[in-house]
N, C-alpha and C. Protein backbone atom coordinates (compact mmCIF):
# COMPACT_ATOMS: atom_id res chain seq x y z
N MET A 1 11.41 1.70 -5.11
CA MET A 1 9.97 2.08 -4.47
C MET A 1 8.65 1.91 -5.29
N GLU A 2 7.89 1.01 -4.82
CA GLU A 2 6.47 1.12 -5.61
C GLU A 2 5.53 1.26 -4.59
N ALA A 3 4.56 2.11 -5.11
CA ALA A 3 3.14 2.37 -4.53
C ALA A 3 2.26 1.30 -4.96
N LEU A 4 1.69 0.46 -4.10
CA LEU A 4 0.99 -0.72 -4.40
C LEU A 4 -0.46 -0.07 -4.63
N ASP A 5 -1.28 -0.62 -5.43
CA ASP A 5 -2.48 -0.10 -5.62
C ASP A 5 -3.38 -1.14 -4.93
N VAL A 6 -3.80 -0.79 -3.78
CA VAL A 6 -4.55 -1.75 -3.01
C VAL A 6 -6.10 -1.04 -2.76
N GLY A 7 -6.46 -0.24 -3.56
CA GLY A 7 -7.78 0.31 -3.70
C GLY A 7 -7.87 1.61 -2.47
N GLN A 8 -8.11 1.21 -1.45
CA GLN A 8 -8.34 1.78 -0.42
C GLN A 8 -7.17 2.08 0.44
N GLY A 9 -6.58 3.18 0.84
CA GLY A 9 -5.34 3.64 1.57
C GLY A 9 -4.13 3.66 0.92
N ASP A 10 -3.09 3.27 1.86
CA ASP A 10 -1.71 3.45 1.16
C ASP A 10 -0.83 2.18 1.54
N SER A 11 -0.08 2.00 0.59
CA SER A 11 0.98 0.75 0.76
C SER A 11 2.18 0.98 -0.03
N LEU A 12 3.37 1.00 0.24
CA LEU A 12 4.44 1.31 -0.12
C LEU A 12 5.39 0.18 0.23
N LEU A 13 6.04 -0.55 -0.92
CA LEU A 13 7.02 -1.64 -1.05
C LEU A 13 8.35 -1.03 -1.43
N LEU A 14 9.37 -1.27 -0.48
CA LEU A 14 10.65 -0.71 -1.02
C LEU A 14 11.62 -2.05 -1.02
N ARG A 15 12.01 -2.17 -1.95
CA ARG A 15 13.18 -3.24 -2.27
C ARG A 15 14.38 -2.91 -2.66
N TRP A 16 15.38 -3.67 -2.22
CA TRP A 16 16.99 -3.56 -2.74
C TRP A 16 17.60 -4.96 -2.46
N ASN A 17 18.28 -5.43 -3.63
CA ASN A 17 18.79 -6.41 -3.35
C ASN A 17 17.82 -7.60 -3.01
N GLU A 18 18.10 -8.34 -1.91
CA GLU A 18 17.35 -9.35 -1.51
C GLU A 18 16.54 -8.93 -0.36
N HIS A 19 16.34 -7.72 -0.14
CA HIS A 19 15.46 -7.08 1.06
C HIS A 19 14.28 -6.40 0.58
N ALA A 20 13.25 -6.50 1.38
CA ALA A 20 11.90 -5.93 1.14
C ALA A 20 11.52 -5.20 2.50
N LEU A 21 10.74 -3.99 2.34
CA LEU A 21 10.04 -3.28 3.66
C LEU A 21 8.93 -2.91 3.09
N LEU A 22 7.82 -3.22 4.02
CA LEU A 22 6.47 -2.64 3.30
C LEU A 22 6.11 -1.56 4.35
N VAL A 23 5.62 -0.55 3.81
CA VAL A 23 5.10 0.54 4.56
C VAL A 23 3.68 0.71 4.47
N ASP A 24 2.90 0.53 5.53
CA ASP A 24 1.43 0.52 5.57
C ASP A 24 0.93 -0.56 4.64
N GLY A 25 -0.52 -0.93 4.73
CA GLY A 25 -1.06 -2.16 4.16
C GLY A 25 -2.50 -1.78 3.55
N GLY A 26 -2.82 -0.69 3.62
CA GLY A 26 -4.24 -0.12 3.04
C GLY A 26 -5.32 -0.86 3.98
N GLY A 27 -6.54 -0.69 3.54
CA GLY A 27 -7.71 -1.22 3.96
C GLY A 27 -8.67 -0.16 4.05
N PRO A 28 -9.93 -0.67 4.15
CA PRO A 28 -11.23 0.22 4.20
C PRO A 28 -11.38 0.60 5.70
N PHE A 29 -12.33 1.48 5.71
CA PHE A 29 -12.44 2.16 7.20
C PHE A 29 -13.28 1.07 7.94
N ASP A 30 -14.00 -0.09 7.33
CA ASP A 30 -14.85 -1.05 7.90
C ASP A 30 -13.88 -2.04 8.69
N GLN A 31 -13.65 -1.85 10.00
CA GLN A 31 -12.51 -2.43 10.77
C GLN A 31 -12.91 -4.06 10.72
N GLU A 32 -13.98 -4.43 10.35
CA GLU A 32 -14.30 -5.86 10.25
C GLU A 32 -13.96 -6.43 9.04
N ALA A 33 -13.24 -5.75 8.13
CA ALA A 33 -12.80 -6.30 6.65
C ALA A 33 -11.40 -6.88 6.79
N ARG A 34 -11.17 -7.89 7.70
CA ARG A 34 -10.04 -8.45 7.86
C ARG A 34 -9.31 -9.41 6.89
N ASP A 35 -10.31 -9.61 5.61
CA ASP A 35 -9.87 -10.33 4.51
C ASP A 35 -9.24 -9.42 3.49
N PHE A 36 -9.24 -8.02 3.86
CA PHE A 36 -8.82 -7.21 2.80
C PHE A 36 -7.28 -7.41 2.59
N GLY A 37 -6.22 -7.88 3.37
CA GLY A 37 -4.99 -8.10 3.14
C GLY A 37 -4.92 -9.29 2.31
N ARG A 38 -5.98 -10.29 2.67
CA ARG A 38 -5.79 -11.70 1.85
C ARG A 38 -6.12 -11.43 0.25
N THR A 39 -6.92 -10.46 0.05
CA THR A 39 -7.57 -10.32 -1.37
C THR A 39 -6.97 -9.45 -1.95
N ARG A 40 -6.46 -8.41 -1.46
CA ARG A 40 -5.88 -7.20 -1.96
C ARG A 40 -4.19 -7.06 -2.04
N LEU A 41 -3.76 -6.96 -0.77
CA LEU A 41 -2.30 -6.77 -0.63
C LEU A 41 -1.42 -8.10 -0.68
N LEU A 42 -1.67 -9.22 -0.05
CA LEU A 42 -0.89 -10.34 -0.21
C LEU A 42 -0.58 -10.78 -1.79
N PRO A 43 -1.83 -10.92 -2.50
CA PRO A 43 -1.63 -11.19 -3.98
C PRO A 43 -0.49 -10.24 -4.51
N LYS A 44 -0.57 -8.97 -4.20
CA LYS A 44 0.31 -8.21 -5.02
C LYS A 44 1.74 -8.37 -4.58
N LEU A 45 1.91 -8.65 -3.44
CA LEU A 45 3.50 -9.13 -2.97
C LEU A 45 3.90 -10.42 -3.45
N LEU A 46 3.06 -11.33 -3.58
CA LEU A 46 3.50 -12.57 -4.04
C LEU A 46 3.78 -12.58 -5.48
N ASP A 47 2.77 -11.84 -6.29
CA ASP A 47 3.05 -11.57 -7.68
C ASP A 47 4.42 -10.95 -8.05
N ARG A 48 4.88 -10.17 -7.12
CA ARG A 48 6.27 -9.43 -7.11
C ARG A 48 7.38 -10.36 -6.71
N GLY A 49 7.21 -11.49 -6.13
CA GLY A 49 8.13 -12.53 -5.76
C GLY A 49 8.60 -12.15 -4.12
N VAL A 50 7.90 -11.50 -3.60
CA VAL A 50 8.02 -11.18 -2.10
C VAL A 50 7.42 -12.25 -1.32
N THR A 51 8.28 -13.07 -0.64
CA THR A 51 7.73 -13.90 0.25
C THR A 51 8.22 -13.93 1.74
N ARG A 52 8.98 -12.83 1.76
CA ARG A 52 9.33 -12.38 3.42
C ARG A 52 9.76 -10.98 3.19
N LEU A 53 9.47 -10.39 4.61
CA LEU A 53 9.69 -8.99 4.66
C LEU A 53 10.68 -8.76 5.73
N ASP A 54 11.82 -7.78 5.40
CA ASP A 54 12.64 -7.71 6.57
C ASP A 54 12.13 -6.67 7.58
N ALA A 55 11.02 -5.86 7.26
CA ALA A 55 10.28 -5.08 8.10
C ALA A 55 9.09 -4.71 7.47
N VAL A 56 8.20 -4.68 8.29
CA VAL A 56 6.93 -3.81 8.10
C VAL A 56 6.64 -2.54 9.09
N VAL A 57 6.23 -1.53 8.50
CA VAL A 57 6.00 -0.21 9.01
C VAL A 57 4.69 0.10 9.08
N LEU A 58 4.14 0.54 10.30
CA LEU A 58 2.79 1.05 10.37
C LEU A 58 2.75 2.66 10.81
N THR A 59 2.75 3.37 9.80
CA THR A 59 2.90 4.83 10.24
C THR A 59 1.87 5.43 11.20
N HIS A 60 0.69 5.00 11.24
CA HIS A 60 -0.37 5.39 12.13
C HIS A 60 -1.48 4.39 12.08
N PRO A 61 -2.15 4.17 13.29
CA PRO A 61 -3.14 3.06 13.19
C PRO A 61 -4.49 3.36 12.80
N HIS A 62 -4.74 3.86 11.67
CA HIS A 62 -6.04 4.07 10.96
C HIS A 62 -6.21 2.81 10.00
N PRO A 63 -7.51 2.46 10.01
CA PRO A 63 -7.85 1.41 9.26
C PRO A 63 -7.38 1.46 7.90
N ASP A 64 -7.46 2.58 7.24
CA ASP A 64 -6.96 2.54 5.67
C ASP A 64 -5.37 2.65 5.71
N HIS A 65 -4.67 2.39 6.61
CA HIS A 65 -3.22 1.92 6.68
C HIS A 65 -3.01 0.72 7.22
N ALA A 66 -3.95 0.35 8.09
CA ALA A 66 -3.17 -0.94 8.88
C ALA A 66 -3.98 -2.29 8.60
N LEU A 67 -5.45 -2.12 8.11
CA LEU A 67 -6.20 -3.39 7.82
C LEU A 67 -5.38 -4.63 7.06
N GLY A 68 -4.74 -4.18 6.07
CA GLY A 68 -4.31 -4.94 5.19
C GLY A 68 -2.97 -5.74 5.60
N LEU A 69 -2.32 -5.11 6.69
CA LEU A 69 -1.21 -6.01 7.25
C LEU A 69 -1.47 -7.11 8.10
N PHE A 70 -2.85 -7.16 8.68
CA PHE A 70 -2.98 -8.23 9.77
C PHE A 70 -2.62 -9.68 8.85
N THR A 71 -3.02 -9.97 7.78
CA THR A 71 -2.61 -11.13 6.75
C THR A 71 -1.22 -11.06 6.45
N VAL A 72 -0.69 -10.08 6.16
CA VAL A 72 0.72 -10.05 5.88
C VAL A 72 1.46 -10.45 7.06
N VAL A 73 1.39 -10.09 8.10
CA VAL A 73 2.08 -10.46 9.43
C VAL A 73 1.66 -12.08 9.84
N GLU A 74 0.58 -12.22 9.51
CA GLU A 74 0.24 -13.70 9.70
C GLU A 74 0.83 -14.91 8.44
N GLU A 75 0.98 -14.30 7.44
CA GLU A 75 1.20 -15.17 6.38
C GLU A 75 2.77 -15.32 5.81
N LEU A 76 3.16 -14.05 6.18
CA LEU A 76 4.66 -14.12 5.50
C LEU A 76 5.63 -13.95 6.77
N PRO A 77 6.94 -14.63 6.77
CA PRO A 77 7.76 -14.22 7.72
C PRO A 77 8.28 -12.74 7.54
N VAL A 78 8.16 -12.01 8.90
CA VAL A 78 8.64 -10.73 8.95
C VAL A 78 9.66 -10.43 10.16
N GLY A 79 10.70 -9.75 9.62
CA GLY A 79 11.96 -9.47 10.51
C GLY A 79 11.54 -8.70 11.69
N ARG A 80 10.84 -7.56 11.58
CA ARG A 80 10.58 -6.37 12.62
C ARG A 80 9.43 -5.67 12.11
N LEU A 81 8.60 -5.39 13.17
CA LEU A 81 7.55 -4.54 13.04
C LEU A 81 7.55 -3.48 13.74
N TRP A 82 7.40 -2.28 12.85
CA TRP A 82 7.56 -0.88 13.63
C TRP A 82 6.32 -0.31 13.56
N LEU A 83 5.66 0.14 14.74
CA LEU A 83 4.64 0.74 14.77
C LEU A 83 4.72 2.17 15.34
N PHE A 84 4.27 2.89 14.75
CA PHE A 84 4.26 4.45 15.25
C PHE A 84 2.75 4.91 15.42
N ALA A 85 2.73 5.80 16.48
CA ALA A 85 1.32 6.16 17.16
C ALA A 85 0.84 7.25 16.10
N GLY A 86 1.71 7.96 15.47
CA GLY A 86 0.89 8.76 14.43
C GLY A 86 0.81 10.08 15.16
């Protein structure tokens, strides 16, 4: 497991063998900052060789956990998306 430094909020990457799971995506409280994932989170995943995710988990729908995920689910193949109301 690796805690990704995305600046604002939380994002955890879990990897085993050929699999990868992302928990939360970080993001500022400015809900209009949809490019956050493209500039902060996606590059970190690609730098680590992650080109697909078996699952993405959103623990709760606050911007500092959710905004970075918009780009991830648009740009990478994602097997499952788990959303929790928190």
